């Protein structure tokens, strides 16, 4: 199964960008999408932005991912 994470572009330099989510930042490639800029949210998979998404969708997805992580932690404690 493949998983893409929503991340916000905080810096852009040509076809490269720095993205951030949950206090974690990383360098990614923007070569697979067009017209993404600073402040936009993108889905990131394997170091590439694969799609631009709106902020509301990104925030909702991040909330769901946090809830899943909490549930997994709870299961591990039991």
PDB file of N, CA and C in Angstrom:
ATOM      1  N   UNK A   1       0.844  -1.171   0.000  1.00  0.00           N
ATOM      2  CA  UNK A   1       0.000   0.000   0.000  1.00  0.00           C
ATOM      3  C   UNK A   1       0.890   1.234   0.000  1.00  0.00           C
ATOM      4  N   UNK A   2       0.534   2.208  -0.792  1.00  0.00           N
ATOM      5  CA  UNK A   2       1.254   3.474  -0.850  1.00  0.00           C
ATOM      6  C   UNK A   2       0.485   4.514  -0.050  1.00  0.00           C
ATOM      7  N   UNK A   3       1.233   5.428   0.545  1.00  0.00           N
ATOM      8  CA  UNK A   3       0.620   6.467   1.351  1.00  0.00           C
ATOM      9  C   UNK A   3       1.265   7.795   1.005  1.00  0.00           C
ATOM     10  N   UNK A   4       0.443   8.803   0.777  1.00  0.00           N
ATOM     11  CA  UNK A   4       0.934  10.156   0.513  1.00  0.00           C
ATOM     12  C   UNK A   4       0.498  11.051   1.671  1.00  0.00           C
ATOM     13  N   UNK A   5       1.378  11.930   2.099  1.00  0.00           N
ATOM     14  CA  UNK A   5       1.109  12.822   3.214  1.00  0.00           C
ATOM     15  C   UNK A   5       0.854  14.240   2.725  1.00  0.00           C
ATOM     16  N   UNK A   6      -0.177  14.903   3.266  1.00  0.00           N
ATOM     17  CA  UNK A   6      -0.390  16.306   2.933  1.00  0.00           C
ATOM     18  C   UNK A   6       0.634  17.165   3.664  1.00  0.00           C
ATOM     19  N   UNK A   7       1.301  18.020   2.922  1.00  0.00           N
ATOM     20  CA  UNK A   7       2.314  18.902   3.507  1.00  0.00           C
ATOM     21  C   UNK A   7       2.195  20.281   2.864  1.00  0.00           C
ATOM     22  N   UNK A   8       2.573  21.301   3.616  1.00  0.00           N
ATOM     23  CA  UNK A   8       2.494  22.690   3.149  1.00  0.00           C
ATOM     24  C   UNK A   8       3.850  23.135   2.614  1.00  0.00           C
ATOM     25  N   UNK A   9       3.840  23.755   1.449  1.00  0.00           N
ATOM     26  CA  UNK A   9       5.072  24.292   0.869  1.00  0.00           C
ATOM     27  C   UNK A   9       5.442  25.567   1.627  1.00  0.00           C
ATOM     28  N   UNK A  10       6.650  25.572   2.220  1.00  0.00           N
ATOM     29  CA  UNK A  10       7.090  26.740   2.960  1.00  0.00           C
ATOM     30  C   UNK A  10       8.223  27.489   2.252  1.00  0.00           C
ATOM     31  N   UNK A  11       8.822  26.851   1.256  1.00  0.00           N
ATOM     32  CA  UNK A  11       9.863  27.492   0.461  1.00  0.00           C
ATOM     33  C   UNK A  11       9.935  26.766  -0.879  1.00  0.00           C
ATOM     34  N   UNK A  12      10.182  27.533  -1.923  1.00  0.00           N
ATOM     35  CA  UNK A  12      10.259  26.944  -3.256  1.00  0.00           C
ATOM     36  C   UNK A  12      11.474  27.502  -3.983  1.00  0.00           C
ATOM     37  N   UNK A  13      12.197  26.610  -4.673  1.00  0.00           N
ATOM     38  CA  UNK A  13      13.356  26.998  -5.461  1.00  0.00           C
ATOM     39  C   UNK A  13      13.329  26.173  -6.741  1.00  0.00           C
ATOM     40  N   UNK A  14      12.749  26.736  -7.783  1.00  0.00           N
ATOM     41  CA  UNK A  14      12.637  26.018  -9.047  1.00  0.00           C
ATOM     42  C   UNK A  14      11.719  24.822  -8.913  1.00  0.00           C
ATOM     43  N   UNK A  15      12.267  23.632  -9.190  1.00  0.00           N
ATOM     44  CA  UNK A  15      11.484  22.392  -9.100  1.00  0.00           C
ATOM     45  C   UNK A  15      11.645  21.694  -7.751  1.00  0.00           C
ATOM     46  N   UNK A  16      12.250  22.371  -6.791  1.00  0.00           N
ATOM     47  CA  UNK A  16      12.415  21.825  -5.442  1.00  0.00           C
ATOM     48  C   UNK A  16      11.645  22.681  -4.455  1.00  0.00           C
ATOM     49  N   UNK A  17      11.259  22.058  -3.346  1.00  0.00           N
ATOM     50  CA  UNK A  17      10.541  22.806  -2.320  1.00  0.00           C
ATOM     51  C   UNK A  17      10.833  22.217  -0.951  1.00  0.00           C
ATOM     52  N   UNK A  18      10.687  23.054   0.049  1.00  0.00           N
ATOM     53  CA  UNK A  18      10.688  22.605   1.431  1.00  0.00           C
ATOM     54  C   UNK A  18       9.237  22.573   1.864  1.00  0.00           C
ATOM     55  N   UNK A  19       8.830  21.439   2.413  1.00  0.00           N
ATOM     56  CA  UNK A  19       7.450  21.285   2.878  1.00  0.00           C
ATOM     57  C   UNK A  19       7.466  20.964   4.365  1.00  0.00           C
ATOM     58  N   UNK A  20       6.300  21.219   5.030  1.00  0.00           N
ATOM     59  CA  UNK A  20       6.213  21.015   6.471  1.00  0.00           C
ATOM     60  C   UNK A  20       4.847  20.471   6.838  1.00  0.00           C
ATOM     61  N   UNK A  21       4.852  19.587   7.830  1.00  0.00           N
ATOM     62  CA  UNK A  21       3.612  19.097   8.437  1.00  0.00           C
ATOM     63  C   UNK A  21       3.953  18.556   9.815  1.00  0.00           C
ATOM     64  N   UNK A  22       3.204  18.965  10.810  1.00  0.00           N
ATOM     65  CA  UNK A  22       3.397  18.455  12.159  1.00  0.00           C
ATOM     66  C   UNK A  22       4.772  18.714  12.733  1.00  0.00           C
ATOM     67  N   UNK A  23       5.389  19.817  12.340  1.00  0.00           N
ATOM     68  CA  UNK A  23       6.714  20.148  12.843  1.00  0.00           C
ATOM     69  C   UNK A  23       7.860  19.462  12.126  1.00  0.00           C
ATOM     70  N   UNK A  24       7.544  18.652  11.125  1.00  0.00           N
ATOM     71  CA  UNK A  24       8.567  17.947  10.348  1.00  0.00           C
ATOM     72  C   UNK A  24       8.673  18.609   8.978  1.00  0.00           C
ATOM     73  N   UNK A  25       9.893  18.934   8.578  1.00  0.00           N
ATOM     74  CA  UNK A  25      10.084  19.512   7.241  1.00  0.00           C
ATOM     75  C   UNK A  25      11.028  18.626   6.445  1.00  0.00           C
ATOM     76  N   UNK A  26      10.871  18.712   5.127  1.00  0.00           N
ATOM     77  CA  UNK A  26      11.735  17.934   4.246  1.00  0.00           C
ATOM     78  C   UNK A  26      11.794  18.597   2.882  1.00  0.00           C
ATOM     79  N   UNK A  27      12.802  18.221   2.118  1.00  0.00           N
ATOM     80  CA  UNK A  27      12.976  18.701   0.751  1.00  0.00           C
ATOM     81  C   UNK A  27      12.302  17.715  -0.191  1.00  0.00           C
ATOM     82  N   UNK A  28      11.549  18.249  -1.148  1.00  0.00           N
ATOM     83  CA  UNK A  28      10.857  17.388  -2.117  1.00  0.00           C
ATOM     84  C   UNK A  28      11.020  17.954  -3.520  1.00  0.00           C
ATOM     85  N   UNK A  29      10.626  17.160  -4.488  1.00  0.00           N
ATOM     86  CA  UNK A  29      10.616  17.575  -5.887  1.00  0.00           C
ATOM     87  C   UNK A  29       9.201  17.976  -6.298  1.00  0.00           C
ATOM     88  N   UNK A  30       9.104  19.030  -7.094  1.00  0.00           N
ATOM     89  CA  UNK A  30       7.827  19.480  -7.648  1.00  0.00           C
ATOM     90  C   UNK A  30       7.711  19.137  -9.136  1.00  0.00           C
ATOM     91  N   UNK A  31       8.568  18.296  -9.644  1.00  0.00           N
ATOM     92  CA  UNK A  31       8.612  18.009 -11.077  1.00  0.00           C
ATOM     93  C   UNK A  31       7.369  17.308 -11.618  1.00  0.00           C
ATOM     94  N   UNK A  32       6.555  16.688 -10.746  1.00  0.00           N
ATOM     95  CA  UNK A  32       5.381  15.959 -11.223  1.00  0.00           C
ATOM     96  C   UNK A  32       4.107  16.801 -11.253  1.00  0.00           C
ATOM     97  N   UNK A  33       4.168  18.018 -10.721  1.00  0.00           N
ATOM     98  CA  UNK A  33       2.985  18.883 -10.724  1.00  0.00           C
ATOM     99  C   UNK A  33       3.371  20.271 -11.214  1.00  0.00           C
ATOM    100  N   UNK A  34       2.373  21.006 -11.647  1.00  0.00           N
ATOM    101  CA  UNK A  34       2.608  22.372 -12.125  1.00  0.00           C
ATOM    102  C   UNK A  34       1.934  23.367 -11.194  1.00  0.00           C
ATOM    103  N   UNK A  35       2.436  24.561 -11.173  1.00  0.00           N
ATOM    104  CA  UNK A  35       1.802  25.700 -10.509  1.00  0.00           C
ATOM    105  C   UNK A  35       1.644  25.575  -8.999  1.00  0.00           C
ATOM    106  N   UNK A  36       2.442  24.797  -8.322  1.00  0.00           N
ATOM    107  CA  UNK A  36       2.412  24.766  -6.862  1.00  0.00           C
ATOM    108  C   UNK A  36       3.350  25.836  -6.342  1.00  0.00           C
ATOM    109  N   UNK A  37       2.886  26.565  -5.332  1.00  0.00           N
ATOM    110  CA  UNK A  37       3.693  27.645  -4.793  1.00  0.00           C
ATOM    111  C   UNK A  37       3.705  27.659  -3.281  1.00  0.00           C
ATOM    112  N   UNK A  38       4.472  28.570  -2.733  1.00  0.00           N
ATOM    113  CA  UNK A  38       4.566  28.721  -1.289  1.00  0.00           C
ATOM    114  C   UNK A  38       3.167  28.954  -0.717  1.00  0.00           C
ATOM    115  N   UNK A  39       2.861  28.209   0.335  1.00  0.00           N
ATOM    116  CA  UNK A  39       1.553  28.292   0.971  1.00  0.00           C
ATOM    117  C   UNK A  39       0.573  27.234   0.504  1.00  0.00           C
ATOM    118  N   UNK A  40       0.854  26.592  -0.622  1.00  0.00           N
ATOM    119  CA  UNK A  40      -0.017  25.533  -1.130  1.00  0.00           C
ATOM    120  C   UNK A  40       0.244  24.238  -0.364  1.00  0.00           C
ATOM    121  N   UNK A  41      -0.794  23.391  -0.310  1.00  0.00           N
ATOM    122  CA  UNK A  41      -0.673  22.056   0.258  1.00  0.00           C
ATOM    123  C   UNK A  41      -0.569  21.060  -0.886  1.00  0.00           C
ATOM    124  N   UNK A  42       0.340  20.096  -0.706  1.00  0.00           N
ATOM    125  CA  UNK A  42       0.534  19.067  -1.718  1.00  0.00           C
ATOM    126  C   UNK A  42       0.558  17.706  -1.035  1.00  0.00           C
ATOM    127  N   UNK A  43       0.197  16.677  -1.791  1.00  0.00           N
ATOM    128  CA  UNK A  43       0.357  15.309  -1.313  1.00  0.00           C
ATOM    129  C   UNK A  43       1.761  14.860  -1.694  1.00  0.00           C
ATOM    130  N   UNK A  44       2.502  14.350  -0.718  1.00  0.00           N
ATOM    131  CA  UNK A  44       3.903  13.968  -0.927  1.00  0.00           C
ATOM    132  C   UNK A  44       4.049  12.458  -0.781  1.00  0.00           C
ATOM    133  N   UNK A  45       4.651  11.862  -1.794  1.00  0.00           N
ATOM    134  CA  UNK A  45       4.940  10.419  -1.791  1.00  0.00           C
ATOM    135  C   UNK A  45       6.341  10.204  -2.350  1.00  0.00           C
ATOM    136  N   UNK A  46       7.158   9.494  -1.603  1.00  0.00           N
ATOM    137  CA  UNK A  46       8.508   9.123  -2.052  1.00  0.00           C
ATOM    138  C   UNK A  46       9.338  10.329  -2.499  1.00  0.00           C
ATOM    139  N   UNK A  47       9.167  11.454  -1.789  1.00  0.00           N
ATOM    140  CA  UNK A  47       9.973  12.632  -2.087  1.00  0.00           C
ATOM    141  C   UNK A  47       9.462  13.495  -3.224  1.00  0.00           C
ATOM    142  N   UNK A  48       8.273  13.190  -3.741  1.00  0.00           N
ATOM    143  CA  UNK A  48       7.679  13.961  -4.834  1.00  0.00           C
ATOM    144  C   UNK A  48       6.302  14.476  -4.443  1.00  0.00           C
ATOM    145  N   UNK A  49       6.003  15.709  -4.806  1.00  0.00           N
ATOM    146  CA  UNK A  49       4.636  16.203  -4.714  1.00  0.00           C
ATOM    147  C   UNK A  49       3.890  15.588  -5.881  1.00  0.00           C
ATOM    148  N   UNK A  50       2.764  14.926  -5.575  1.00  0.00           N
ATOM    149  CA  UNK A  50       2.039  14.243  -6.647  1.00  0.00           C
ATOM    150  C   UNK A  50       0.704  14.900  -6.968  1.00  0.00           C
ATOM    151  N   UNK A  51       0.252  15.801  -6.095  1.00  0.00           N
ATOM    152  CA  UNK A  51      -1.029  16.476  -6.327  1.00  0.00           C
ATOM    153  C   UNK A  51      -1.140  17.672  -5.392  1.00  0.00           C
ATOM    154  N   UNK A  52      -1.770  18.734  -5.863  1.00  0.00           N
ATOM    155  CA  UNK A  52      -2.089  19.880  -5.017  1.00  0.00           C
ATOM    156  C   UNK A  52      -3.478  19.662  -4.439  1.00  0.00           C
ATOM    157  N   UNK A  53      -3.633  19.956  -3.136  1.00  0.00           N
ATOM    158  CA  UNK A  53      -4.946  19.818  -2.496  1.00  0.00           C
ATOM    159  C   UNK A  53      -5.264  21.098  -1.740  1.00  0.00           C
ATOM    160  N   UNK A  54      -6.549  21.306  -1.436  1.00  0.00           N
ATOM    161  CA  UNK A  54      -6.902  22.523  -0.709  1.00  0.00           C
ATOM    162  C   UNK A  54      -6.591  22.362   0.778  1.00  0.00           C
ATOM    163  N   UNK A  55      -6.480  23.490   1.466  1.00  0.00           N
ATOM    164  CA  UNK A  55      -6.070  23.496   2.869  1.00  0.00           C
ATOM    165  C   UNK A  55      -7.027  22.698   3.757  1.00  0.00           C
ATOM    166  N   UNK A  56      -8.327  22.842   3.524  1.00  0.00           N
ATOM    167  CA  UNK A  56      -9.307  22.132   4.351  1.00  0.00           C
ATOM    168  C   UNK A  56      -9.110  20.619   4.247  1.00  0.00           C
ATOM    169  N   UNK A  57      -8.962  20.118   3.033  1.00  0.00           N
ATOM    170  CA  UNK A  57      -8.750  18.684   2.826  1.00  0.00           C
ATOM    171  C   UNK A  57      -7.452  18.228   3.500  1.00  0.00           C
ATOM    172  N   UNK A  58      -6.399  19.045   3.382  1.00  0.00           N
ATOM    173  CA  UNK A  58      -5.116  18.709   4.002  1.00  0.00           C
ATOM    174  C   UNK A  58      -5.261  18.624   5.517  1.00  0.00           C
ATOM    175  N   UNK A  59      -5.925  19.608   6.126  1.00  0.00           N
ATOM    176  CA  UNK A  59      -6.088  19.625   7.583  1.00  0.00           C
ATOM    177  C   UNK A  59      -6.932  18.437   8.059  1.00  0.00           C
ATOM    178  N   UNK A  60      -7.991  18.130   7.340  1.00  0.00           N
ATOM    179  CA  UNK A  60      -8.842  16.987   7.703  1.00  0.00           C
ATOM    180  C   UNK A  60      -8.054  15.677   7.624  1.00  0.00           C
ATOM    181  N   UNK A  61      -7.258  15.520   6.593  1.00  0.00           N
ATOM    182  CA  UNK A  61      -6.451  14.302   6.442  1.00  0.00           C
ATOM    183  C   UNK A  61      -5.416  14.193   7.556  1.00  0.00           C
ATOM    184  N   UNK A  62      -4.775  15.306   7.903  1.00  0.00           N
ATOM    185  CA  UNK A  62      -3.793  15.288   8.983  1.00  0.00           C
ATOM    186  C   UNK A  62      -4.448  14.936  10.319  1.00  0.00           C
ATOM    187  N   UNK A  63      -5.645  15.445  10.564  1.00  0.00           N
ATOM    188  CA  UNK A  63      -6.371  15.101  11.795  1.00  0.00           C
ATOM    189  C   UNK A  63      -6.671  13.601  11.848  1.00  0.00           C
ATOM    190  N   UNK A  64      -7.120  13.052  10.734  1.00  0.00           N
ATOM    191  CA  UNK A  64      -7.401  11.616  10.679  1.00  0.00           C
ATOM    192  C   UNK A  64      -6.146  10.789  10.918  1.00  0.00           C
ATOM    193  N   UNK A  65      -5.034  11.210  10.364  1.00  0.00           N
ATOM    194  CA  UNK A  65      -3.777  10.494  10.554  1.00  0.00           C
ATOM    195  C   UNK A  65      -3.344  10.535  12.024  1.00  0.00           C
ATOM    196  N   UNK A  66      -3.560  11.666  12.678  1.00  0.00           N
ATOM    197  CA  UNK A  66      -3.244  11.775  14.100  1.00  0.00           C
ATOM    198  C   UNK A  66      -4.115  10.821  14.916  1.00  0.00           C
ATOM    199  N   UNK A  67      -5.394  10.752  14.576  1.00  0.00           N
ATOM    200  CA  UNK A  67      -6.302   9.856  15.289  1.00  0.00           C
ATOM    201  C   UNK A  67      -5.894   8.395  15.102  1.00  0.00           C
ATOM    202  N   UNK A  68      -5.510   8.031  13.900  1.00  0.00           N
ATOM    203  CA  UNK A  68      -5.057   6.662  13.639  1.00  0.00           C
ATOM    204  C   UNK A  68      -3.819   6.352  14.475  1.00  0.00           C
ATOM    205  N   UNK A  69      -2.882   7.286  14.544  1.00  0.00           N
ATOM    206  CA  UNK A  69      -1.661   7.079  15.327  1.00  0.00           C
ATOM    207  C   UNK A  69      -1.992   6.892  16.807  1.00  0.00           C
ATOM    208  N   UNK A  70      -2.931   7.681  17.324  1.00  0.00           N
ATOM    209  CA  UNK A  70      -3.341   7.539  18.724  1.00  0.00           C
ATOM    210  C   UNK A  70      -3.989   6.184  18.980  1.00  0.00           C
ATOM    211  N   UNK A  71      -4.816   5.732  18.055  1.00  0.00           N
ATOM    212  CA  UNK A  71      -5.449   4.426  18.202  1.00  0.00           C
ATOM    213  C   UNK A  71      -4.415   3.306  18.185  1.00  0.00           C
ATOM    214  N   UNK A  72      -3.413   3.434  17.333  1.00  0.00           N
ATOM    215  CA  UNK A  72      -2.369   2.414  17.273  1.00  0.00           C
ATOM    216  C   UNK A  72      -1.571   2.390  18.569  1.00  0.00           C
ATOM    217  N   UNK A  73      -1.276   3.576  19.125  1.00  0.00           N
ATOM    218  CA  UNK A  73      -0.566   3.638  20.393  1.00  0.00           C
ATOM    219  C   UNK A  73      -1.386   2.984  21.497  1.00  0.00           C
ATOM    220  N   UNK A  74      -2.684   3.256  21.508  1.00  0.00           N
ATOM    221  CA  UNK A  74      -3.570   2.680  22.502  1.00  0.00           C
ATOM    222  C   UNK A  74      -3.590   1.156  22.407  1.00  0.00           C
ATOM    223  N   UNK A  75      -3.637   0.627  21.197  1.00  0.00           N
ATOM    224  CA  UNK A  75      -3.618  -0.823  20.989  1.00  0.00           C
ATOM    225  C   UNK A  75      -2.303  -1.443  21.461  1.00  0.00           C
ATOM    226  N   UNK A  76      -1.204  -0.741  21.249  1.00  0.00           N
ATOM    227  CA  UNK A  76       0.109  -1.258  21.649  1.00  0.00           C
ATOM    228  C   UNK A  76       0.244  -1.300  23.173  1.00  0.00           C
ATOM    229  N   UNK A  77      -0.411  -0.373  23.866  1.00  0.00           N
ATOM    230  CA  UNK A  77      -0.347  -0.324  25.323  1.00  0.00           C
ATOM    231  C   UNK A  77      -1.105  -1.498  25.922  1.00  0.00           C
ATOM    232  N   UNK A  78      -2.184  -1.880  25.296  1.00  0.00           N
ATOM    233  CA  UNK A  78      -3.020  -2.980  25.796  1.00  0.00           C
ATOM    234  C   UNK A  78      -2.348  -4.254  25.590  1.00  0.00           C
TER     235      UNK A  78
END
